[in-house]
């Protein structure tokens, strides 16, 4: 099995500094081949072949797992095909990557376990705002979170993320337009309005003032729940017990490697906050990287779903 990390753009023979701990853990596990890819060539130069030029070709097909920065589905497809030419097949196909990377693809599969959501195009915010407000009546006066198919601007909580009242056109317009403007070319898919849920608090972010909730990130591999970690590093969770039975039920997603972020509401009910492709989902700082890569080897030794 081959683990592929992004290189350091300033020192191409070294790993990106943000992935140094994982890179070291993957090597220390002694179970993987570890390679570096040129993320800049893939994303900015749009040259997937150049991005993988330093990756060693395999004599026979091997499974590959990418651990690095997010990429668009089109970039992933180019990356996937370039690695196939090296006899490396990424653990998730391009279709499986999008299944958990884009909210509209995973939302319907877990709809009853996640906040109510509405997807609109950025153009509708500009040219059909009255129609958008009409659609938002489904939320009444409830607060909302605005994001795109992949990410929010949660660290700009009051300016480009949180809408206190879904029925207030001034608030909706201000926050949503800020979000679109600041995302700029990084905006993926469309604009998503998500019902804001009050979760059990574990504190507030020391810089942005964003509320920090009792939230965890679970990793699934080959249809099995592998592990979970506390989501936030900025605070210590008082109660680290996790609802194992709740999270185990989400093993049916069409992906070989994905994450589920889940949090506890004030009333004690657990729900899904977000899903993501496991290759581009970060490991919380508090996680044990060495154990993660040992587990990853054990779980990927099982048959990968096609």
C-alpha atoms as a PDB file:
ATOM      1  CA  UNK A   1       0.000   0.000   0.000  1.00  0.00           C
ATOM      2  CA  UNK A   2       1.180   3.504  -0.877  1.00  0.00           C
ATOM      3  CA  UNK A   3       0.503   6.653   1.185  1.00  0.00           C
ATOM      4  CA  UNK A   4       0.833   9.870  -0.823  1.00  0.00           C
ATOM      5  CA  UNK A   5       1.515  13.208   0.869  1.00  0.00           C
ATOM      6  CA  UNK A   6       1.915  16.720  -0.547  1.00  0.00           C
ATOM      7  CA  UNK A   7       5.452  17.989  -0.779  1.00  0.00           C
ATOM      8  CA  UNK A   8       6.727  21.280   0.591  1.00  0.00           C
ATOM      9  CA  UNK A   9       6.534  23.760  -2.322  1.00  0.00           C
ATOM     10  CA  UNK A  10       9.656  25.526  -1.028  1.00  0.00           C
ATOM     11  CA  UNK A  11      11.561  22.278  -0.556  1.00  0.00           C
ATOM     12  CA  UNK A  12      10.071  19.684  -2.960  1.00  0.00           C
ATOM     13  CA  UNK A  13      11.952  16.703  -1.515  1.00  0.00           C
ATOM     14  CA  UNK A  14      10.386  17.270   1.894  1.00  0.00           C
ATOM     15  CA  UNK A  15       6.801  16.806   3.049  1.00  0.00           C
ATOM     16  CA  UNK A  16       4.478  19.766   3.535  1.00  0.00           C
ATOM     17  CA  UNK A  17       5.144  20.957   7.085  1.00  0.00           C
ATOM     18  CA  UNK A  18       1.464  20.618   8.040  1.00  0.00           C
ATOM     19  CA  UNK A  19       1.639  16.878   7.345  1.00  0.00           C
ATOM     20  CA  UNK A  20       5.035  16.209   8.914  1.00  0.00           C
ATOM     21  CA  UNK A  21       3.609  14.363  11.949  1.00  0.00           C
ATOM     22  CA  UNK A  22       1.484  12.089   9.772  1.00  0.00           C
ATOM     23  CA  UNK A  23       4.323  11.514   7.315  1.00  0.00           C
ATOM     24  CA  UNK A  24       6.638  10.510  10.167  1.00  0.00           C
ATOM     25  CA  UNK A  25       3.967   8.229  11.671  1.00  0.00           C
ATOM     26  CA  UNK A  26       3.308   6.525   8.323  1.00  0.00           C
ATOM     27  CA  UNK A  27       7.023   5.830   7.864  1.00  0.00           C
ATOM     28  CA  UNK A  28       7.451   4.700  11.481  1.00  0.00           C
ATOM     29  CA  UNK A  29       4.621   2.203  11.090  1.00  0.00           C
ATOM     30  CA  UNK A  30       6.889   0.306   8.680  1.00  0.00           C
ATOM     31  CA  UNK A  31       3.835  -0.953   6.810  1.00  0.00           C
ATOM     32  CA  UNK A  32       3.548   1.433   3.869  1.00  0.00           C
ATOM     33  CA  UNK A  33       5.427   2.819   0.925  1.00  0.00           C
ATOM     34  CA  UNK A  34       5.404   6.608   1.333  1.00  0.00           C
ATOM     35  CA  UNK A  35       5.572   9.033  -1.599  1.00  0.00           C
ATOM     36  CA  UNK A  36       5.368  12.788  -2.199  1.00  0.00           C
ATOM     37  CA  UNK A  37       3.241  14.513  -4.835  1.00  0.00           C
ATOM     38  CA  UNK A  38       3.444  18.066  -6.192  1.00  0.00           C
ATOM     39  CA  UNK A  39       0.122  19.585  -5.156  1.00  0.00           C
ATOM     40  CA  UNK A  40       0.961  22.935  -6.752  1.00  0.00           C
ATOM     41  CA  UNK A  41       1.485  21.287 -10.141  1.00  0.00           C
ATOM     42  CA  UNK A  42      -1.863  19.525  -9.841  1.00  0.00           C
ATOM     43  CA  UNK A  43      -3.953  22.496  -8.717  1.00  0.00           C
ATOM     44  CA  UNK A  44      -2.237  25.582 -10.100  1.00  0.00           C
ATOM     45  CA  UNK A  45      -0.492  24.208 -13.183  1.00  0.00           C
ATOM     46  CA  UNK A  46      -3.310  21.732 -13.911  1.00  0.00           C
ATOM     47  CA  UNK A  47      -0.706  19.080 -14.717  1.00  0.00           C
ATOM     48  CA  UNK A  48      -1.503  15.791 -12.969  1.00  0.00           C
ATOM     49  CA  UNK A  49       1.315  13.913 -14.696  1.00  0.00           C
ATOM     50  CA  UNK A  50       3.820  16.442 -13.386  1.00  0.00           C
ATOM     51  CA  UNK A  51       2.239  16.221  -9.938  1.00  0.00           C
ATOM     52  CA  UNK A  52       3.051  12.495  -9.681  1.00  0.00           C
ATOM     53  CA  UNK A  53       6.315  12.472 -11.648  1.00  0.00           C
ATOM     54  CA  UNK A  54       8.406  11.668  -8.560  1.00  0.00           C
ATOM     55  CA  UNK A  55       6.106   8.809  -7.480  1.00  0.00           C
ATOM     56  CA  UNK A  56       7.667   5.396  -8.074  1.00  0.00           C
ATOM     57  CA  UNK A  57       5.790   3.162 -10.510  1.00  0.00           C
ATOM     58  CA  UNK A  58       4.698  -0.244  -9.169  1.00  0.00           C
ATOM     59  CA  UNK A  59       5.224  -3.575 -10.918  1.00  0.00           C
ATOM     60  CA  UNK A  60       1.703  -4.659 -10.004  1.00  0.00           C
ATOM     61  CA  UNK A  61      -1.367  -2.709  -8.921  1.00  0.00           C
ATOM     62  CA  UNK A  62      -1.275  -1.328  -5.395  1.00  0.00           C
ATOM     63  CA  UNK A  63      -3.842   0.579  -3.367  1.00  0.00           C
ATOM     64  CA  UNK A  64      -2.987   4.216  -2.758  1.00  0.00           C
ATOM     65  CA  UNK A  65      -4.246   6.570  -0.058  1.00  0.00           C
ATOM     66  CA  UNK A  66      -3.770  10.301  -0.460  1.00  0.00           C
ATOM     67  CA  UNK A  67      -3.366  12.371   2.705  1.00  0.00           C
ATOM     68  CA  UNK A  68      -3.320  16.042   1.825  1.00  0.00           C
ATOM     69  CA  UNK A  69      -5.139  19.201   0.891  1.00  0.00           C
ATOM     70  CA  UNK A  70      -8.599  19.249  -0.640  1.00  0.00           C
ATOM     71  CA  UNK A  71      -8.952  19.235  -4.405  1.00  0.00           C
ATOM     72  CA  UNK A  72     -11.908  19.594  -6.732  1.00  0.00           C
ATOM     73  CA  UNK A  73     -13.549  16.477  -8.118  1.00  0.00           C
ATOM     74  CA  UNK A  74     -12.111  17.231 -11.561  1.00  0.00           C
ATOM     75  CA  UNK A  75      -8.607  17.587 -10.093  1.00  0.00           C
ATOM     76  CA  UNK A  76      -9.117  14.347  -8.173  1.00  0.00           C
ATOM     77  CA  UNK A  77     -10.142  12.564 -11.366  1.00  0.00           C
ATOM     78  CA  UNK A  78      -6.963  13.751 -13.144  1.00  0.00           C
ATOM     79  CA  UNK A  79      -4.884  12.769 -10.114  1.00  0.00           C
ATOM     80  CA  UNK A  80      -6.580   9.352  -9.931  1.00  0.00           C
ATOM     81  CA  UNK A  81      -5.893   8.622 -13.605  1.00  0.00           C
ATOM     82  CA  UNK A  82      -2.284   9.827 -13.436  1.00  0.00           C
ATOM     83  CA  UNK A  83      -1.633   7.433 -10.556  1.00  0.00           C
ATOM     84  CA  UNK A  84      -3.253   4.555 -12.456  1.00  0.00           C
ATOM     85  CA  UNK A  85      -0.468   5.005 -15.011  1.00  0.00           C
ATOM     86  CA  UNK A  86       1.923   4.243 -12.124  1.00  0.00           C
ATOM     87  CA  UNK A  87      -0.102   1.132 -11.185  1.00  0.00           C
ATOM     88  CA  UNK A  88      -1.446   2.877  -8.071  1.00  0.00           C
ATOM     89  CA  UNK A  89      -5.208   2.845  -7.583  1.00  0.00           C
ATOM     90  CA  UNK A  90      -6.501   5.341  -5.031  1.00  0.00           C
ATOM     91  CA  UNK A  91      -8.749   3.823  -2.393  1.00  0.00           C
ATOM     92  CA  UNK A  92     -11.713   5.903  -3.578  1.00  0.00           C
ATOM     93  CA  UNK A  93     -12.801   6.271  -7.183  1.00  0.00           C
ATOM     94  CA  UNK A  94     -13.596   9.824  -8.389  1.00  0.00           C
ATOM     95  CA  UNK A  95     -17.306   9.088  -7.919  1.00  0.00           C
ATOM     96  CA  UNK A  96     -16.737   7.820  -4.373  1.00  0.00           C
ATOM     97  CA  UNK A  97     -14.621  10.907  -3.631  1.00  0.00           C
ATOM     98  CA  UNK A  98     -17.525  13.176  -4.555  1.00  0.00           C
ATOM     99  CA  UNK A  99     -20.016  11.017  -2.624  1.00  0.00           C
ATOM    100  CA  UNK A 100     -18.685  12.356   0.674  1.00  0.00           C
ATOM    101  CA  UNK A 101     -16.868  15.511  -0.474  1.00  0.00           C
ATOM    102  CA  UNK A 102     -19.963  17.333  -1.807  1.00  0.00           C
ATOM    103  CA  UNK A 103     -22.866  17.939   0.571  1.00  0.00           C
ATOM    104  CA  UNK A 104     -25.662  17.291  -1.978  1.00  0.00           C
ATOM    105  CA  UNK A 105     -24.203  13.839  -2.614  1.00  0.00           C
ATOM    106  CA  UNK A 106     -24.211  12.725   1.032  1.00  0.00           C
ATOM    107  CA  UNK A 107     -27.094  14.790   2.423  1.00  0.00           C
ATOM    108  CA  UNK A 108     -29.889  12.555   1.108  1.00  0.00           C
ATOM    109  CA  UNK A 109     -28.225   9.418   2.484  1.00  0.00           C
ATOM    110  CA  UNK A 110     -28.287  10.736   6.074  1.00  0.00           C
ATOM    111  CA  UNK A 111     -31.033  13.388   5.860  1.00  0.00           C
ATOM    112  CA  UNK A 112     -32.907  12.346   8.998  1.00  0.00           C
ATOM    113  CA  UNK A 113     -29.692  12.484  11.048  1.00  0.00           C
ATOM    114  CA  UNK A 114     -28.413  15.907   9.968  1.00  0.00           C
ATOM    115  CA  UNK A 115     -29.609  19.552  10.006  1.00  0.00           C
ATOM    116  CA  UNK A 116     -32.161  20.578   7.393  1.00  0.00           C
ATOM    117  CA  UNK A 117     -30.422  22.116   4.361  1.00  0.00           C
ATOM    118  CA  UNK A 118     -31.162  24.115   1.213  1.00  0.00           C
ATOM    119  CA  UNK A 119     -28.796  24.417  -1.767  1.00  0.00           C
ATOM    120  CA  UNK A 120     -28.949  27.390  -4.160  1.00  0.00           C
ATOM    121  CA  UNK A 121     -26.632  28.782  -6.819  1.00  0.00           C
ATOM    122  CA  UNK A 122     -24.477  31.853  -6.089  1.00  0.00           C
ATOM    123  CA  UNK A 123     -26.134  33.551  -9.078  1.00  0.00           C
ATOM    124  CA  UNK A 124     -29.534  33.204  -7.392  1.00  0.00           C
ATOM    125  CA  UNK A 125     -28.284  35.223  -4.420  1.00  0.00           C
ATOM    126  CA  UNK A 126     -27.447  38.069  -6.795  1.00  0.00           C
ATOM    127  CA  UNK A 127     -30.301  37.923  -9.309  1.00  0.00           C
ATOM    128  CA  UNK A 128     -33.159  36.013  -7.633  1.00  0.00           C
ATOM    129  CA  UNK A 129     -32.775  36.972  -4.003  1.00  0.00           C
ATOM    130  CA  UNK A 130     -36.539  37.317  -3.429  1.00  0.00           C
ATOM    131  CA  UNK A 131     -36.995  33.735  -4.623  1.00  0.00           C
ATOM    132  CA  UNK A 132     -34.231  32.572  -2.288  1.00  0.00           C
ATOM    133  CA  UNK A 133     -35.959  34.284   0.639  1.00  0.00           C
ATOM    134  CA  UNK A 134     -39.171  32.510  -0.349  1.00  0.00           C
ATOM    135  CA  UNK A 135     -37.368  29.171  -0.225  1.00  0.00           C
ATOM    136  CA  UNK A 136     -35.864  30.039   3.151  1.00  0.00           C
ATOM    137  CA  UNK A 137     -39.359  30.175   4.659  1.00  0.00           C
ATOM    138  CA  UNK A 138     -38.893  26.438   5.290  1.00  0.00           C
ATOM    139  CA  UNK A 139     -36.641  27.475   8.213  1.00  0.00           C
ATOM    140  CA  UNK A 140     -39.026  30.055   9.705  1.00  0.00           C
ATOM    141  CA  UNK A 141     -37.064  32.393  11.995  1.00  0.00           C
ATOM    142  CA  UNK A 142     -34.436  29.821  12.903  1.00  0.00           C
ATOM    143  CA  UNK A 143     -30.728  30.732  12.690  1.00  0.00           C
ATOM    144  CA  UNK A 144     -28.680  29.346   9.806  1.00  0.00           C
ATOM    145  CA  UNK A 145     -25.146  28.472   8.809  1.00  0.00           C
ATOM    146  CA  UNK A 146     -24.037  29.345   5.274  1.00  0.00           C
ATOM    147  CA  UNK A 147     -21.364  27.321   3.438  1.00  0.00           C
ATOM    148  CA  UNK A 148     -20.603  25.861   0.029  1.00  0.00           C
ATOM    149  CA  UNK A 149     -20.724  22.168  -0.914  1.00  0.00           C
ATOM    150  CA  UNK A 150     -17.462  21.549   0.959  1.00  0.00           C
ATOM    151  CA  UNK A 151     -16.496  24.278   3.430  1.00  0.00           C
ATOM    152  CA  UNK A 152     -17.763  27.132   5.552  1.00  0.00           C
ATOM    153  CA  UNK A 153     -15.940  30.204   6.782  1.00  0.00           C
ATOM    154  CA  UNK A 154     -16.569  29.257  10.398  1.00  0.00           C
ATOM    155  CA  UNK A 155     -13.650  31.288  11.694  1.00  0.00           C
ATOM    156  CA  UNK A 156     -15.397  34.391  10.328  1.00  0.00           C
ATOM    157  CA  UNK A 157     -18.419  33.375  12.355  1.00  0.00           C
ATOM    158  CA  UNK A 158     -20.405  36.615  12.560  1.00  0.00           C
ATOM    159  CA  UNK A 159     -19.430  38.050   9.184  1.00  0.00           C
ATOM    160  CA  UNK A 160     -19.546  35.152   6.730  1.00  0.00           C
ATOM    161  CA  UNK A 161     -21.023  32.089   8.424  1.00  0.00           C
ATOM    162  CA  UNK A 162     -23.809  32.589  10.996  1.00  0.00           C
ATOM    163  CA  UNK A 163     -27.212  34.078  10.113  1.00  0.00           C
ATOM    164  CA  UNK A 164     -29.219  34.789  13.310  1.00  0.00           C
ATOM    165  CA  UNK A 165     -32.658  34.811  11.635  1.00  0.00           C
ATOM    166  CA  UNK A 166     -33.525  33.036   8.363  1.00  0.00           C
ATOM    167  CA  UNK A 167     -36.481  35.385   7.801  1.00  0.00           C
ATOM    168  CA  UNK A 168     -34.411  38.581   7.952  1.00  0.00           C
ATOM    169  CA  UNK A 169     -33.388  39.530   4.374  1.00  0.00           C
ATOM    170  CA  UNK A 170     -30.744  42.017   5.508  1.00  0.00           C
ATOM    171  CA  UNK A 171     -28.966  39.454   7.644  1.00  0.00           C
ATOM    172  CA  UNK A 172     -29.245  36.753   4.982  1.00  0.00           C
ATOM    173  CA  UNK A 173     -27.939  39.028   2.249  1.00  0.00           C
ATOM    174  CA  UNK A 174     -25.052  40.481   4.270  1.00  0.00           C
ATOM    175  CA  UNK A 175     -23.655  37.188   5.540  1.00  0.00           C
ATOM    176  CA  UNK A 176     -24.227  35.276   2.293  1.00  0.00           C
ATOM    177  CA  UNK A 177     -22.687  37.944   0.087  1.00  0.00           C
ATOM    178  CA  UNK A 178     -19.696  38.152   2.428  1.00  0.00           C
ATOM    179  CA  UNK A 179     -19.310  34.395   2.182  1.00  0.00           C
ATOM    180  CA  UNK A 180     -19.470  34.375  -1.641  1.00  0.00           C
ATOM    181  CA  UNK A 181     -17.081  37.315  -1.939  1.00  0.00           C
ATOM    182  CA  UNK A 182     -14.511  35.838   0.436  1.00  0.00           C
ATOM    183  CA  UNK A 183     -14.685  32.327  -0.966  1.00  0.00           C
ATOM    184  CA  UNK A 184     -14.146  33.798  -4.446  1.00  0.00           C
ATOM    185  CA  UNK A 185     -12.628  31.142  -6.746  1.00  0.00           C
ATOM    186  CA  UNK A 186     -12.522  28.657  -3.862  1.00  0.00           C
ATOM    187  CA  UNK A 187     -16.321  28.411  -3.769  1.00  0.00           C
ATOM    188  CA  UNK A 188     -17.212  24.800  -4.595  1.00  0.00           C
ATOM    189  CA  UNK A 189     -20.581  23.881  -6.114  1.00  0.00           C
ATOM    190  CA  UNK A 190     -23.222  26.184  -4.695  1.00  0.00           C
ATOM    191  CA  UNK A 191     -24.359  27.991  -1.578  1.00  0.00           C
ATOM    192  CA  UNK A 192     -25.821  25.852   1.206  1.00  0.00           C
ATOM    193  CA  UNK A 193     -28.043  27.106   4.024  1.00  0.00           C
ATOM    194  CA  UNK A 194     -28.039  24.744   7.009  1.00  0.00           C
ATOM    195  CA  UNK A 195     -30.256  24.985  10.064  1.00  0.00           C
ATOM    196  CA  UNK A 196     -28.160  26.044  13.054  1.00  0.00           C
ATOM    197  CA  UNK A 197     -28.410  23.515  15.872  1.00  0.00           C
ATOM    198  CA  UNK A 198     -27.515  24.256  19.478  1.00  0.00           C
ATOM    199  CA  UNK A 199     -25.063  21.640  20.618  1.00  0.00           C
ATOM    200  CA  UNK A 200     -23.573  20.937  24.009  1.00  0.00           C
ATOM    201  CA  UNK A 201     -20.851  23.518  24.481  1.00  0.00           C
ATOM    202  CA  UNK A 202     -17.220  22.837  25.332  1.00  0.00           C
ATOM    203  CA  UNK A 203     -16.207  26.518  25.108  1.00  0.00           C
ATOM    204  CA  UNK A 204     -15.550  29.204  22.491  1.00  0.00           C
ATOM    205  CA  UNK A 205     -12.745  29.592  19.989  1.00  0.00           C
ATOM    206  CA  UNK A 206     -10.068  31.878  21.480  1.00  0.00           C
ATOM    207  CA  UNK A 207      -9.620  33.863  18.235  1.00  0.00           C
ATOM    208  CA  UNK A 208     -12.894  33.874  16.279  1.00  0.00           C
ATOM    209  CA  UNK A 209     -15.372  33.606  19.144  1.00  0.00           C
ATOM    210  CA  UNK A 210     -17.044  30.710  17.341  1.00  0.00           C
ATOM    211  CA  UNK A 211     -18.908  28.342  19.701  1.00  0.00           C
ATOM    212  CA  UNK A 212     -17.059  25.051  20.189  1.00  0.00           C
ATOM    213  CA  UNK A 213     -19.273  22.029  20.591  1.00  0.00           C
ATOM    214  CA  UNK A 214     -19.030  18.451  21.812  1.00  0.00           C
ATOM    215  CA  UNK A 215     -18.093  17.138  18.407  1.00  0.00           C
ATOM    216  CA  UNK A 216     -16.056  14.185  17.133  1.00  0.00           C
ATOM    217  CA  UNK A 217     -14.582  13.047  13.837  1.00  0.00           C
ATOM    218  CA  UNK A 218     -14.989   9.380  12.918  1.00  0.00           C
ATOM    219  CA  UNK A 219     -13.019   7.582  10.210  1.00  0.00           C
ATOM    220  CA  UNK A 220     -14.599   4.712   8.262  1.00  0.00           C
ATOM    221  CA  UNK A 221     -12.597   2.246   6.179  1.00  0.00           C
ATOM    222  CA  UNK A 222     -14.041  -0.489   3.955  1.00  0.00           C
ATOM    223  CA  UNK A 223     -17.482  -0.255   5.511  1.00  0.00           C
ATOM    224  CA  UNK A 224     -16.302  -0.305   9.130  1.00  0.00           C
ATOM    225  CA  UNK A 225     -15.987   2.389  11.756  1.00  0.00           C
ATOM    226  CA  UNK A 226     -12.260   2.544  12.484  1.00  0.00           C
ATOM    227  CA  UNK A 227     -11.828   5.277  15.119  1.00  0.00           C
ATOM    228  CA  UNK A 228     -13.058   8.625  16.463  1.00  0.00           C
ATOM    229  CA  UNK A 229     -11.251  11.671  17.837  1.00  0.00           C
ATOM    230  CA  UNK A 230     -12.423  14.847  19.612  1.00  0.00           C
ATOM    231  CA  UNK A 231     -12.839  17.470  16.876  1.00  0.00           C
ATOM    232  CA  UNK A 232     -11.570  20.562  18.665  1.00  0.00           C
ATOM    233  CA  UNK A 233      -8.007  20.969  19.898  1.00  0.00           C
ATOM    234  CA  UNK A 234      -8.568  24.379  21.467  1.00  0.00           C
ATOM    235  CA  UNK A 235     -10.393  23.004  24.523  1.00  0.00           C
ATOM    236  CA  UNK A 236     -10.423  19.868  26.649  1.00  0.00           C
ATOM    237  CA  UNK A 237     -13.578  17.824  26.564  1.00  0.00           C
ATOM    238  CA  UNK A 238     -14.920  17.110  30.051  1.00  0.00           C
ATOM    239  CA  UNK A 239     -16.736  13.961  28.928  1.00  0.00           C
ATOM    240  CA  UNK A 240     -14.870  12.033  26.252  1.00  0.00           C
ATOM    241  CA  UNK A 241     -17.378   9.167  25.997  1.00  0.00           C
ATOM    242  CA  UNK A 242     -18.579   8.690  22.430  1.00  0.00           C
ATOM    243  CA  UNK A 243     -21.859   7.106  21.268  1.00  0.00           C
ATOM    244  CA  UNK A 244     -20.438   4.021  19.580  1.00  0.00           C
ATOM    245  CA  UNK A 245     -23.772   2.563  18.499  1.00  0.00           C
ATOM    246  CA  UNK A 246     -24.867   5.836  16.921  1.00  0.00           C
ATOM    247  CA  UNK A 247     -21.790   6.198  14.760  1.00  0.00           C
ATOM    248  CA  UNK A 248     -21.490   2.531  13.756  1.00  0.00           C
ATOM    249  CA  UNK A 249     -24.726   2.710  11.753  1.00  0.00           C
ATOM    250  CA  UNK A 250     -23.183   4.942   9.059  1.00  0.00           C
ATOM    251  CA  UNK A 251     -21.081   2.198   7.523  1.00  0.00           C
ATOM    252  CA  UNK A 252     -23.313   1.968   4.421  1.00  0.00           C
ATOM    253  CA  UNK A 253     -21.950   5.051   2.621  1.00  0.00           C
ATOM    254  CA  UNK A 254     -20.617   4.329  -0.890  1.00  0.00           C
ATOM    255  CA  UNK A 255     -16.975   5.090  -0.179  1.00  0.00           C
ATOM    256  CA  UNK A 256     -14.000   3.044   0.982  1.00  0.00           C
ATOM    257  CA  UNK A 257     -12.514   5.778   3.156  1.00  0.00           C
ATOM    258  CA  UNK A 258     -14.551   8.658   4.593  1.00  0.00           C
ATOM    259  CA  UNK A 259     -15.210  10.703   7.708  1.00  0.00           C
ATOM    260  CA  UNK A 260     -18.326  11.569   9.660  1.00  0.00           C
ATOM    261  CA  UNK A 261     -18.325  14.568  12.009  1.00  0.00           C
ATOM    262  CA  UNK A 262     -20.986  14.177  14.693  1.00  0.00           C
ATOM    263  CA  UNK A 263     -22.023  16.254  17.691  1.00  0.00           C
ATOM    264  CA  UNK A 264     -24.341  16.129  20.702  1.00  0.00           C
ATOM    265  CA  UNK A 265     -27.350  18.449  20.844  1.00  0.00           C
ATOM    266  CA  UNK A 266     -28.322  20.165  24.085  1.00  0.00           C
ATOM    267  CA  UNK A 267     -31.071  17.581  24.562  1.00  0.00           C
ATOM    268  CA  UNK A 268     -28.532  14.734  24.381  1.00  0.00           C
ATOM    269  CA  UNK A 269     -29.381  13.594  20.826  1.00  0.00           C
ATOM    270  CA  UNK A 270     -26.436  12.900  18.496  1.00  0.00           C
ATOM    271  CA  UNK A 271     -26.538  14.085  14.882  1.00  0.00           C
ATOM    272  CA  UNK A 272     -24.229  14.353  11.864  1.00  0.00           C
ATOM    273  CA  UNK A 273     -22.631  17.742  11.286  1.00  0.00           C
ATOM    274  CA  UNK A 274     -20.584  16.973   8.175  1.00  0.00           C
ATOM    275  CA  UNK A 275     -19.122  14.214   6.041  1.00  0.00           C
ATOM    276  CA  UNK A 276     -15.889  14.151   4.046  1.00  0.00           C
ATOM    277  CA  UNK A 277     -13.572  12.036   1.972  1.00  0.00           C
ATOM    278  CA  UNK A 278     -11.106  10.369   4.321  1.00  0.00           C
ATOM    279  CA  UNK A 279      -8.125  11.349   2.200  1.00  0.00           C
ATOM    280  CA  UNK A 280      -8.665  15.099   2.587  1.00  0.00           C
ATOM    281  CA  UNK A 281     -10.125  15.128   6.109  1.00  0.00           C
ATOM    282  CA  UNK A 282      -7.632  16.356   8.677  1.00  0.00           C
ATOM    283  CA  UNK A 283      -6.644  14.488  11.790  1.00  0.00           C
ATOM    284  CA  UNK A 284      -7.408  16.519  14.931  1.00  0.00           C
ATOM    285  CA  UNK A 285      -4.240  17.647  16.683  1.00  0.00           C
ATOM    286  CA  UNK A 286      -5.042  15.557  19.756  1.00  0.00           C
ATOM    287  CA  UNK A 287      -5.151  12.320  17.749  1.00  0.00           C
ATOM    288  CA  UNK A 288      -2.488   9.640  18.078  1.00  0.00           C
ATOM    289  CA  UNK A 289      -0.999   9.609  14.569  1.00  0.00           C
ATOM    290  CA  UNK A 290       0.965   6.412  15.119  1.00  0.00           C
ATOM    291  CA  UNK A 291      -2.105   4.471  16.223  1.00  0.00           C
ATOM    292  CA  UNK A 292      -4.063   5.965  13.316  1.00  0.00           C
ATOM    293  CA  UNK A 293      -1.635   4.568  10.726  1.00  0.00           C
ATOM    294  CA  UNK A 294      -1.439   1.192  12.439  1.00  0.00           C
ATOM    295  CA  UNK A 295      -5.243   1.015  12.395  1.00  0.00           C
ATOM    296  CA  UNK A 296      -5.349   2.232   8.810  1.00  0.00           C
ATOM    297  CA  UNK A 297      -3.138  -0.638   7.713  1.00  0.00           C
ATOM    298  CA  UNK A 298      -5.256  -3.211   9.550  1.00  0.00           C
ATOM    299  CA  UNK A 299      -8.529  -1.929   8.106  1.00  0.00           C
ATOM    300  CA  UNK A 300      -7.280  -1.470   4.551  1.00  0.00           C
ATOM    301  CA  UNK A 301      -5.959  -5.023   4.447  1.00  0.00           C
ATOM    302  CA  UNK A 302      -9.598  -6.006   4.098  1.00  0.00           C
ATOM    303  CA  UNK A 303     -11.132  -6.026   0.644  1.00  0.00           C
ATOM    304  CA  UNK A 304     -11.663  -2.578  -0.862  1.00  0.00           C
ATOM    305  CA  UNK A 305     -15.160  -2.087  -2.245  1.00  0.00           C
ATOM    306  CA  UNK A 306     -15.189  -1.329  -5.981  1.00  0.00           C
END
